Amino acid sequence: EMPLDEIARLEKLEGAELNDAKKILATEVTTLCHGRDAADQA
């Protein structure tokens, strides 16, 4: 559910910063499917 402008910023990142963007992706997708607590715990 992330805003499009924030996504546009994150997808331009490179290296270690892009890895941080992948963690954000994983947490947001997992939140929708399993809840915020389970996502944060993962």
ModelCIF file with pLDDT and N, C-alpha, C, O atoms, coordinates in Angstrom:
data_MODEL
#
_entry.id   MODEL 
#
_entity.id                         1 
_entity.type                       polymer 
_entity.pdbx_number_of_molecules   1 
#
_entity_poly.entity_id                      1 
_entity_poly.type                           'polypeptide(L)' 
_entity_poly.nstd_linkage                   no 
_entity_poly.nstd_monomer                   no 
_entity_poly.pdbx_seq_one_letter_code       EMPLDEIARLEKLEGAELNDAKKILATEVTTLCHGRDAADQA 
_entity_poly.pdbx_seq_one_letter_code_can   EMPLDEIARLEKLEGAELNDAKKILATEVTTLCHGRDAADQA 
_entity_poly.pdbx_strand_id                 A 
#
loop_
_entity_poly_seq.entity_id 
_entity_poly_seq.num 
_entity_poly_seq.mon_id 
_entity_poly_seq.hetero 
1 1  GLU n 
1 2  MET n 
1 3  PRO n 
1 4  LEU n 
1 5  ASP n 
1 6  GLU n 
1 7  ILE n 
1 8  ALA n 
1 9  ARG n 
1 10 LEU n 
1 11 GLU n 
1 12 LYS n 
1 13 LEU n 
1 14 GLU n 
1 15 GLY n 
1 16 ALA n 
1 17 GLU n 
1 18 LEU n 
1 19 ASN n 
1 20 ASP n 
1 21 ALA n 
1 22 LYS n 
1 23 LYS n 
1 24 ILE n 
1 25 LEU n 
1 26 ALA n 
1 27 THR n 
1 28 GLU n 
1 29 VAL n 
1 30 THR n 
1 31 THR n 
1 32 LEU n 
1 33 CYS n 
1 34 HIS n 
1 35 GLY n 
1 36 ARG n 
1 37 ASP n 
1 38 ALA n 
1 39 ALA n 
1 40 ASP n 
1 41 GLN n 
1 42 ALA n 
#
_struct_asym.id          A 
_struct_asym.entity_id   1 
#
loop_
_ma_qa_metric.id 
_ma_qa_metric.mode 
_ma_qa_metric.name 
_ma_qa_metric.software_group_id 
_ma_qa_metric.type 
1 global pLDDT . pLDDT 
2 local  pLDDT . pLDDT 
#
_ma_qa_metric_global.metric_id      1 
_ma_qa_metric_global.metric_value   95.14 
_ma_qa_metric_global.model_id       1 
_ma_qa_metric_global.ordinal_id     1 
#
loop_
_ma_qa_metric_local.label_asym_id 
_ma_qa_metric_local.label_comp_id 
_ma_qa_metric_local.label_seq_id 
_ma_qa_metric_local.metric_id 
_ma_qa_metric_local.metric_value 
_ma_qa_metric_local.model_id 
_ma_qa_metric_local.ordinal_id 
A GLU 1  2 97.00 1 1  
A MET 2  2 97.00 1 2  
A PRO 3  2 97.00 1 3  
A LEU 4  2 97.00 1 4  
A ASP 5  2 97.00 1 5  
A GLU 6  2 97.00 1 6  
A ILE 7  2 97.00 1 7  
A ALA 8  2 96.00 1 8  
A ARG 9  2 96.00 1 9  
A LEU 10 2 96.00 1 10 
A GLU 11 2 93.00 1 11 
A LYS 12 2 93.00 1 12 
A LEU 13 2 93.00 1 13 
A GLU 14 2 90.00 1 14 
A GLY 15 2 88.00 1 15 
A ALA 16 2 87.00 1 16 
A GLU 17 2 92.00 1 17 
A LEU 18 2 93.00 1 18 
A ASN 19 2 91.00 1 19 
A ASP 20 2 93.00 1 20 
A ALA 21 2 96.00 1 21 
A LYS 22 2 96.00 1 22 
A LYS 23 2 95.00 1 23 
A ILE 24 2 97.00 1 24 
A LEU 25 2 98.00 1 25 
A ALA 26 2 97.00 1 26 
A THR 27 2 97.00 1 27 
A GLU 28 2 98.00 1 28 
A VAL 29 2 98.00 1 29 
A THR 30 2 98.00 1 30 
A THR 31 2 97.00 1 31 
A LEU 32 2 97.00 1 32 
A CYS 33 2 97.00 1 33 
A HIS 34 2 97.00 1 34 
A GLY 35 2 96.00 1 35 
A ARG 36 2 96.00 1 36 
A ASP 37 2 96.00 1 37 
A ALA 38 2 95.00 1 38 
A ALA 39 2 95.00 1 39 
A ASP 40 2 95.00 1 40 
A GLN 41 2 93.00 1 41 
A ALA 42 2 92.00 1 42 
#
loop_
_atom_site.group_PDB 
_atom_site.id 
_atom_site.type_symbol 
_atom_site.label_atom_id 
_atom_site.label_alt_id 
_atom_site.label_comp_id 
_atom_site.label_asym_id 
_atom_site.label_entity_id 
_atom_site.label_seq_id 
_atom_site.pdbx_PDB_ins_code 
_atom_site.Cartn_x 
_atom_site.Cartn_y 
_atom_site.Cartn_z 
_atom_site.occupancy 
_atom_site.B_iso_or_equiv 
_atom_site.pdbx_formal_charge 
_atom_site.auth_seq_id 
_atom_site.auth_comp_id 
_atom_site.auth_asym_id 
_atom_site.auth_atom_id 
_atom_site.pdbx_PDB_model_num 
ATOM 1   N N  . GLU A 1 1  ? 0.835  -1.210  0.000  1.00 97.00 ? 1  GLU A N  1 
ATOM 2   C CA . GLU A 1 1  ? 0.000  0.000   0.000  1.00 97.00 ? 1  GLU A CA 1 
ATOM 3   C C  . GLU A 1 1  ? 0.862  1.250   0.000  1.00 97.00 ? 1  GLU A C  1 
ATOM 4   O O  . GLU A 1 1  ? 0.360  2.349   0.233  1.00 97.00 ? 1  GLU A O  1 
ATOM 5   N N  . MET A 1 2  ? 2.139  1.096   -0.256 1.00 97.00 ? 2  MET A N  1 
ATOM 6   C CA . MET A 1 2  ? 3.065  2.222   -0.184 1.00 97.00 ? 2  MET A CA 1 
ATOM 7   C C  . MET A 1 2  ? 2.734  3.275   -1.247 1.00 97.00 ? 2  MET A C  1 
ATOM 8   O O  . MET A 1 2  ? 2.308  2.923   -2.347 1.00 97.00 ? 2  MET A O  1 
ATOM 9   N N  . PRO A 1 3  ? 2.926  4.565   -0.931 1.00 97.00 ? 3  PRO A N  1 
ATOM 10  C CA . PRO A 1 3  ? 2.678  5.627   -1.920 1.00 97.00 ? 3  PRO A CA 1 
ATOM 11  C C  . PRO A 1 3  ? 3.613  5.488   -3.123 1.00 97.00 ? 3  PRO A C  1 
ATOM 12  O O  . PRO A 1 3  ? 4.756  5.051   -2.988 1.00 97.00 ? 3  PRO A O  1 
ATOM 13  N N  . LEU A 1 4  ? 3.121  5.860   -4.281 1.00 97.00 ? 4  LEU A N  1 
ATOM 14  C CA . LEU A 1 4  ? 3.900  5.692   -5.506 1.00 97.00 ? 4  LEU A CA 1 
ATOM 15  C C  . LEU A 1 4  ? 5.168  6.533   -5.508 1.00 97.00 ? 4  LEU A C  1 
ATOM 16  O O  . LEU A 1 4  ? 6.193  6.095   -6.033 1.00 97.00 ? 4  LEU A O  1 
ATOM 17  N N  . ASP A 1 5  ? 5.121  7.737   -4.930 1.00 97.00 ? 5  ASP A N  1 
ATOM 18  C CA . ASP A 1 5  ? 6.325  8.576   -4.928 1.00 97.00 ? 5  ASP A CA 1 
ATOM 19  C C  . ASP A 1 5  ? 7.421  7.979   -4.040 1.00 97.00 ? 5  ASP A C  1 
ATOM 20  O O  . ASP A 1 5  ? 8.607  8.102   -4.345 1.00 97.00 ? 5  ASP A O  1 
ATOM 21  N N  . GLU A 1 6  ? 7.016  7.330   -2.935 1.00 97.00 ? 6  GLU A N  1 
ATOM 22  C CA . GLU A 1 6  ? 7.993  6.675   -2.069 1.00 97.00 ? 6  GLU A CA 1 
ATOM 23  C C  . GLU A 1 6  ? 8.597  5.458   -2.773 1.00 97.00 ? 6  GLU A C  1 
ATOM 24  O O  . GLU A 1 6  ? 9.793  5.195   -2.646 1.00 97.00 ? 6  GLU A O  1 
ATOM 25  N N  . ILE A 1 7  ? 7.772  4.722   -3.511 1.00 97.00 ? 7  ILE A N  1 
ATOM 26  C CA . ILE A 1 7  ? 8.273  3.580   -4.269 1.00 97.00 ? 7  ILE A CA 1 
ATOM 27  C C  . ILE A 1 7  ? 9.266  4.039   -5.329 1.00 97.00 ? 7  ILE A C  1 
ATOM 28  O O  . ILE A 1 7  ? 10.306 3.412   -5.527 1.00 97.00 ? 7  ILE A O  1 
ATOM 29  N N  . ALA A 1 8  ? 8.941  5.137   -6.009 1.00 96.00 ? 8  ALA A N  1 
ATOM 30  C CA . ALA A 1 8  ? 9.832  5.669   -7.045 1.00 96.00 ? 8  ALA A CA 1 
ATOM 31  C C  . ALA A 1 8  ? 11.189 6.034   -6.460 1.00 96.00 ? 8  ALA A C  1 
ATOM 32  O O  . ALA A 1 8  ? 12.218 5.848   -7.110 1.00 96.00 ? 8  ALA A O  1 
ATOM 33  N N  . ARG A 1 9  ? 11.195 6.551   -5.238 1.00 96.00 ? 9  ARG A N  1 
ATOM 34  C CA . ARG A 1 9  ? 12.459 6.894   -4.588 1.00 96.00 ? 9  ARG A CA 1 
ATOM 35  C C  . ARG A 1 9  ? 13.259 5.645   -4.229 1.00 96.00 ? 9  ARG A C  1 
ATOM 36  O O  . ARG A 1 9  ? 14.467 5.580   -4.457 1.00 96.00 ? 9  ARG A O  1 
ATOM 37  N N  . LEU A 1 10 ? 12.574 4.664   -3.670 1.00 96.00 ? 10 LEU A N  1 
ATOM 38  C CA . LEU A 1 10 ? 13.268 3.464   -3.198 1.00 96.00 ? 10 LEU A CA 1 
ATOM 39  C C  . LEU A 1 10 ? 13.831 2.623   -4.337 1.00 96.00 ? 10 LEU A C  1 
ATOM 40  O O  . LEU A 1 10 ? 14.910 2.046   -4.202 1.00 96.00 ? 10 LEU A O  1 
ATOM 41  N N  . GLU A 1 11 ? 13.115 2.545   -5.458 1.00 93.00 ? 11 GLU A N  1 
ATOM 42  C CA . GLU A 1 11 ? 13.590 1.669   -6.534 1.00 93.00 ? 11 GLU A CA 1 
ATOM 43  C C  . GLU A 1 11 ? 14.813 2.225   -7.255 1.00 93.00 ? 11 GLU A C  1 
ATOM 44  O O  . GLU A 1 11 ? 15.433 1.524   -8.055 1.00 93.00 ? 11 GLU A O  1 
ATOM 45  N N  . LYS A 1 12 ? 15.162 3.473   -6.980 1.00 93.00 ? 12 LYS A N  1 
ATOM 46  C CA . LYS A 1 12 ? 16.355 4.072   -7.582 1.00 93.00 ? 12 LYS A CA 1 
ATOM 47  C C  . LYS A 1 12 ? 17.612 3.800   -6.755 1.00 93.00 ? 12 LYS A C  1 
ATOM 48  O O  . LYS A 1 12 ? 18.725 4.067   -7.210 1.00 93.00 ? 12 LYS A O  1 
ATOM 49  N N  . LEU A 1 13 ? 17.438 3.274   -5.551 1.00 93.00 ? 13 LEU A N  1 
ATOM 50  C CA . LEU A 1 13 ? 18.577 3.036   -4.674 1.00 93.00 ? 13 LEU A CA 1 
ATOM 51  C C  . LEU A 1 13 ? 19.463 1.917   -5.219 1.00 93.00 ? 13 LEU A C  1 
ATOM 52  O O  . LEU A 1 13 ? 19.034 1.105   -6.039 1.00 93.00 ? 13 LEU A O  1 
ATOM 53  N N  . GLU A 1 14 ? 20.688 1.896   -4.751 1.00 90.00 ? 14 GLU A N  1 
ATOM 54  C CA . GLU A 1 14 ? 21.629 0.877   -5.201 1.00 90.00 ? 14 GLU A CA 1 
ATOM 55  C C  . GLU A 1 14 ? 22.378 0.295   -4.008 1.00 90.00 ? 14 GLU A C  1 
ATOM 56  O O  . GLU A 1 14 ? 22.391 0.871   -2.920 1.00 90.00 ? 14 GLU A O  1 
ATOM 57  N N  . GLY A 1 15 ? 22.998 -0.856  -4.236 1.00 88.00 ? 15 GLY A N  1 
ATOM 58  C CA . GLY A 1 15 ? 23.861 -1.474  -3.228 1.00 88.00 ? 15 GLY A CA 1 
ATOM 59  C C  . GLY A 1 15 ? 23.154 -1.782  -1.934 1.00 88.00 ? 15 GLY A C  1 
ATOM 60  O O  . GLY A 1 15 ? 22.055 -2.337  -1.934 1.00 88.00 ? 15 GLY A O  1 
ATOM 61  N N  . ALA A 1 16 ? 23.786 -1.421  -0.819 1.00 87.00 ? 16 ALA A N  1 
ATOM 62  C CA . ALA A 1 16 ? 23.247 -1.721  0.505  1.00 87.00 ? 16 ALA A CA 1 
ATOM 63  C C  . ALA A 1 16 ? 21.904 -1.028  0.730  1.00 87.00 ? 16 ALA A C  1 
ATOM 64  O O  . ALA A 1 16 ? 21.034 -1.566  1.414  1.00 87.00 ? 16 ALA A O  1 
ATOM 65  N N  . GLU A 1 17 ? 21.735 0.169   0.152  1.00 92.00 ? 17 GLU A N  1 
ATOM 66  C CA . GLU A 1 17 ? 20.466 0.883   0.320  1.00 92.00 ? 17 GLU A CA 1 
ATOM 67  C C  . GLU A 1 17 ? 19.324 0.151   -0.372 1.00 92.00 ? 17 GLU A C  1 
ATOM 68  O O  . GLU A 1 17 ? 18.197 0.152   0.124  1.00 92.00 ? 17 GLU A O  1 
ATOM 69  N N  . LEU A 1 18 ? 19.608 -0.481  -1.524 1.00 93.00 ? 18 LEU A N  1 
ATOM 70  C CA . LEU A 1 18 ? 18.576 -1.257  -2.203 1.00 93.00 ? 18 LEU A CA 1 
ATOM 71  C C  . LEU A 1 18 ? 18.199 -2.484  -1.375 1.00 93.00 ? 18 LEU A C  1 
ATOM 72  O O  . LEU A 1 18 ? 17.042 -2.905  -1.376 1.00 93.00 ? 18 LEU A O  1 
ATOM 73  N N  . ASN A 1 19 ? 19.173 -3.056  -0.671 1.00 91.00 ? 19 ASN A N  1 
ATOM 74  C CA . ASN A 1 19 ? 18.866 -4.171  0.229  1.00 91.00 ? 19 ASN A CA 1 
ATOM 75  C C  . ASN A 1 19 ? 17.913 -3.732  1.334  1.00 91.00 ? 19 ASN A C  1 
ATOM 76  O O  . ASN A 1 19 ? 17.043 -4.497  1.749  1.00 91.00 ? 19 ASN A O  1 
ATOM 77  N N  . ASP A 1 20 ? 18.080 -2.499  1.809  1.00 93.00 ? 20 ASP A N  1 
ATOM 78  C CA . ASP A 1 20 ? 17.151 -1.967  2.808  1.00 93.00 ? 20 ASP A CA 1 
ATOM 79  C C  . ASP A 1 20 ? 15.749 -1.824  2.216  1.00 93.00 ? 20 ASP A C  1 
ATOM 80  O O  . ASP A 1 20 ? 14.752 -2.053  2.901  1.00 93.00 ? 20 ASP A O  1 
ATOM 81  N N  . ALA A 1 21 ? 15.680 -1.443  0.939  1.00 96.00 ? 21 ALA A N  1 
ATOM 82  C CA . ALA A 1 21 ? 14.380 -1.334  0.267  1.00 96.00 ? 21 ALA A CA 1 
ATOM 83  C C  . ALA A 1 21 ? 13.708 -2.699  0.161  1.00 96.00 ? 21 ALA A C  1 
ATOM 84  O O  . ALA A 1 21 ? 12.488 -2.807  0.277  1.00 96.00 ? 21 ALA A O  1 
ATOM 85  N N  . LYS A 1 22 ? 14.513 -3.743  -0.061 1.00 96.00 ? 22 LYS A N  1 
ATOM 86  C CA . LYS A 1 22 ? 13.961 -5.104  -0.123 1.00 96.00 ? 22 LYS A CA 1 
ATOM 87  C C  . LYS A 1 22 ? 13.381 -5.514  1.231  1.00 96.00 ? 22 LYS A C  1 
ATOM 88  O O  . LYS A 1 22 ? 12.369 -6.211  1.292  1.00 96.00 ? 22 LYS A O  1 
ATOM 89  N N  . LYS A 1 23 ? 14.021 -5.084  2.306  1.00 95.00 ? 23 LYS A N  1 
ATOM 90  C CA . LYS A 1 23 ? 13.498 -5.396  3.641  1.00 95.00 ? 23 LYS A CA 1 
ATOM 91  C C  . LYS A 1 23 ? 12.153 -4.695  3.862  1.00 95.00 ? 23 LYS A C  1 
ATOM 92  O O  . LYS A 1 23 ? 11.234 -5.258  4.457  1.00 95.00 ? 23 LYS A O  1 
ATOM 93  N N  . ILE A 1 24 ? 12.059 -3.460  3.373  1.00 97.00 ? 24 ILE A N  1 
ATOM 94  C CA . ILE A 1 24 ? 10.787 -2.731  3.479  1.00 97.00 ? 24 ILE A CA 1 
ATOM 95  C C  . ILE A 1 24 ? 9.708  -3.465  2.684  1.00 97.00 ? 24 ILE A C  1 
ATOM 96  O O  . ILE A 1 24 ? 8.592  -3.648  3.171  1.00 97.00 ? 24 ILE A O  1 
ATOM 97  N N  . LEU A 1 25 ? 10.041 -3.887  1.459  1.00 98.00 ? 25 LEU A N  1 
ATOM 98  C CA . LEU A 1 25 ? 9.103  -4.659  0.640  1.00 98.00 ? 25 LEU A CA 1 
ATOM 99  C C  . LEU A 1 25 ? 8.640  -5.901  1.389  1.00 98.00 ? 25 LEU A C  1 
ATOM 100 O O  . LEU A 1 25 ? 7.441  -6.163  1.485  1.00 98.00 ? 25 LEU A O  1 
ATOM 101 N N  . ALA A 1 26 ? 9.592  -6.665  1.918  1.00 97.00 ? 26 ALA A N  1 
ATOM 102 C CA . ALA A 1 26 ? 9.264  -7.912  2.609  1.00 97.00 ? 26 ALA A CA 1 
ATOM 103 C C  . ALA A 1 26 ? 8.353  -7.662  3.805  1.00 97.00 ? 26 ALA A C  1 
ATOM 104 O O  . ALA A 1 26 ? 7.398  -8.405  4.031  1.00 97.00 ? 26 ALA A O  1 
ATOM 105 N N  . THR A 1 27 ? 8.649  -6.616  4.568  1.00 97.00 ? 27 THR A N  1 
ATOM 106 C CA . THR A 1 27 ? 7.858  -6.320  5.765  1.00 97.00 ? 27 THR A CA 1 
ATOM 107 C C  . THR A 1 27 ? 6.451  -5.867  5.407  1.00 97.00 ? 27 THR A C  1 
ATOM 108 O O  . THR A 1 27 ? 5.487  -6.269  6.058  1.00 97.00 ? 27 THR A O  1 
ATOM 109 N N  . GLU A 1 28 ? 6.323  -5.037  4.381  1.00 98.00 ? 28 GLU A N  1 
ATOM 110 C CA . GLU A 1 28 ? 5.007  -4.538  3.988  1.00 98.00 ? 28 GLU A CA 1 
ATOM 111 C C  . GLU A 1 28 ? 4.135  -5.656  3.406  1.00 98.00 ? 28 GLU A C  1 
ATOM 112 O O  . GLU A 1 28 ? 2.946  -5.739  3.714  1.00 98.00 ? 28 GLU A O  1 
ATOM 113 N N  . VAL A 1 29 ? 4.720  -6.514  2.566  1.00 98.00 ? 29 VAL A N  1 
ATOM 114 C CA . VAL A 1 29 ? 3.946  -7.616  1.985  1.00 98.00 ? 29 VAL A CA 1 
ATOM 115 C C  . VAL A 1 29 ? 3.536  -8.606  3.074  1.00 98.00 ? 29 VAL A C  1 
ATOM 116 O O  . VAL A 1 29 ? 2.405  -9.091  3.083  1.00 98.00 ? 29 VAL A O  1 
ATOM 117 N N  . THR A 1 30 ? 4.455  -8.902  3.987  1.00 98.00 ? 30 THR A N  1 
ATOM 118 C CA . THR A 1 30 ? 4.162  -9.842  5.072  1.00 98.00 ? 30 THR A CA 1 
ATOM 119 C C  . THR A 1 30 ? 3.121  -9.271  6.029  1.00 98.00 ? 30 THR A C  1 
ATOM 120 O O  . THR A 1 30 ? 2.318  -10.018 6.587  1.00 98.00 ? 30 THR A O  1 
ATOM 121 N N  . THR A 1 31 ? 3.129  -7.960  6.223  1.00 97.00 ? 31 THR A N  1 
ATOM 122 C CA . THR A 1 31 ? 2.132  -7.323  7.089  1.00 97.00 ? 31 THR A CA 1 
ATOM 123 C C  . THR A 1 31 ? 0.725  -7.564  6.572  1.00 97.00 ? 31 THR A C  1 
ATOM 124 O O  . THR A 1 31 ? -0.171 -7.888  7.352  1.00 97.00 ? 31 THR A O  1 
ATOM 125 N N  . LEU A 1 32 ? 0.513  -7.410  5.267  1.00 97.00 ? 32 LEU A N  1 
ATOM 126 C CA . LEU A 1 32 ? -0.817 -7.625  4.704  1.00 97.00 ? 32 LEU A CA 1 
ATOM 127 C C  . LEU A 1 32 ? -1.272 -9.074  4.880  1.00 97.00 ? 32 LEU A C  1 
ATOM 128 O O  . LEU A 1 32 ? -2.448 -9.331  5.138  1.00 97.00 ? 32 LEU A O  1 
ATOM 129 N N  . CYS A 1 33 ? -0.350 -10.005 4.741  1.00 97.00 ? 33 CYS A N  1 
ATOM 130 C CA . CYS A 1 33 ? -0.712 -11.424 4.774  1.00 97.00 ? 33 CYS A CA 1 
ATOM 131 C C  . CYS A 1 33 ? -0.768 -11.997 6.189  1.00 97.00 ? 33 CYS A C  1 
ATOM 132 O O  . CYS A 1 33 ? -1.614 -12.842 6.481  1.00 97.00 ? 33 CYS A O  1 
ATOM 133 N N  . HIS A 1 34 ? 0.128  -11.545 7.068  1.00 97.00 ? 34 HIS A N  1 
ATOM 134 C CA . HIS A 1 34 ? 0.242  -12.172 8.395  1.00 97.00 ? 34 HIS A CA 1 
ATOM 135 C C  . HIS A 1 34 ? 0.117  -11.199 9.564  1.00 97.00 ? 34 HIS A C  1 
ATOM 136 O O  . HIS A 1 34 ? 0.129  -11.624 10.719 1.00 97.00 ? 34 HIS A O  1 
ATOM 137 N N  . GLY A 1 35 ? -0.002 -9.908  9.286  1.00 96.00 ? 35 GLY A N  1 
ATOM 138 C CA . GLY A 1 35 ? -0.118 -8.925  10.359 1.00 96.00 ? 35 GLY A CA 1 
ATOM 139 C C  . GLY A 1 35 ? 1.210  -8.252  10.660 1.00 96.00 ? 35 GLY A C  1 
ATOM 140 O O  . GLY A 1 35 ? 2.276  -8.806  10.394 1.00 96.00 ? 35 GLY A O  1 
ATOM 141 N N  . ARG A 1 36 ? 1.131  -7.044  11.221 1.00 96.00 ? 36 ARG A N  1 
ATOM 142 C CA . ARG A 1 36 ? 2.341  -6.253  11.481 1.00 96.00 ? 36 ARG A CA 1 
ATOM 143 C C  . ARG A 1 36 ? 3.254  -6.922  12.494 1.00 96.00 ? 36 ARG A C  1 
ATOM 144 O O  . ARG A 1 36 ? 4.473  -6.904  12.321 1.00 96.00 ? 36 ARG A O  1 
ATOM 145 N N  . ASP A 1 37 ? 2.701  -7.510  13.546 1.00 96.00 ? 37 ASP A N  1 
ATOM 146 C CA . ASP A 1 37 ? 3.556  -8.126  14.566 1.00 96.00 ? 37 ASP A CA 1 
ATOM 147 C C  . ASP A 1 37 ? 4.387  -9.262  13.973 1.00 96.00 ? 37 ASP A C  1 
ATOM 148 O O  . ASP A 1 37 ? 5.587  -9.355  14.233 1.00 96.00 ? 37 ASP A O  1 
ATOM 149 N N  . ALA A 1 38 ? 3.758  -10.122 13.182 1.00 95.00 ? 38 ALA A N  1 
ATOM 150 C CA . ALA A 1 38 ? 4.481  -11.244 12.571 1.00 95.00 ? 38 ALA A CA 1 
ATOM 151 C C  . ALA A 1 38 ? 5.529  -10.748 11.592 1.00 95.00 ? 38 ALA A C  1 
ATOM 152 O O  . ALA A 1 38 ? 6.613  -11.324 11.495 1.00 95.00 ? 38 ALA A O  1 
ATOM 153 N N  . ALA A 1 39 ? 5.214  -9.680  10.861 1.00 95.00 ? 39 ALA A N  1 
ATOM 154 C CA . ALA A 1 39 ? 6.171  -9.124  9.899  1.00 95.00 ? 39 ALA A CA 1 
ATOM 155 C C  . ALA A 1 39 ? 7.381  -8.530  10.612 1.00 95.00 ? 39 ALA A C  1 
ATOM 156 O O  . ALA A 1 39 ? 8.522  -8.761  10.212 1.00 95.00 ? 39 ALA A O  1 
ATOM 157 N N  . ASP A 1 40 ? 7.123  -7.765  11.667 1.00 95.00 ? 40 ASP A N  1 
ATOM 158 C CA . ASP A 1 40 ? 8.229  -7.166  12.416 1.00 95.00 ? 40 ASP A CA 1 
ATOM 159 C C  . ASP A 1 40 ? 9.087  -8.243  13.084 1.00 95.00 ? 40 ASP A C  1 
ATOM 160 O O  . ASP A 1 40 ? 10.311 -8.123  13.145 1.00 95.00 ? 40 ASP A O  1 
ATOM 161 N N  . GLN A 1 41 ? 8.439  -9.285  13.578 1.00 93.00 ? 41 GLN A N  1 
ATOM 162 C CA . GLN A 1 41 ? 9.172  -10.375 14.207 1.00 93.00 ? 41 GLN A CA 1 
ATOM 163 C C  . GLN A 1 41 ? 10.050 -11.095 13.186 1.00 93.00 ? 41 GLN A C  1 
ATOM 164 O O  . GLN A 1 41 ? 11.186 -11.457 13.491 1.00 93.00 ? 41 GLN A O  1 
ATOM 165 N N  . ALA A 1 42 ? 9.531  -11.303 11.983 1.00 92.00 ? 42 ALA A N  1 
ATOM 166 C CA . ALA A 1 42 ? 10.317 -11.940 10.926 1.00 92.00 ? 42 ALA A CA 1 
ATOM 167 C C  . ALA A 1 42 ? 11.513 -11.082 10.548 1.00 92.00 ? 42 ALA A C  1 
ATOM 168 O O  . ALA A 1 42 ? 12.291 -11.459 9.672  1.00 92.00 ? 42 ALA A O  1 
#
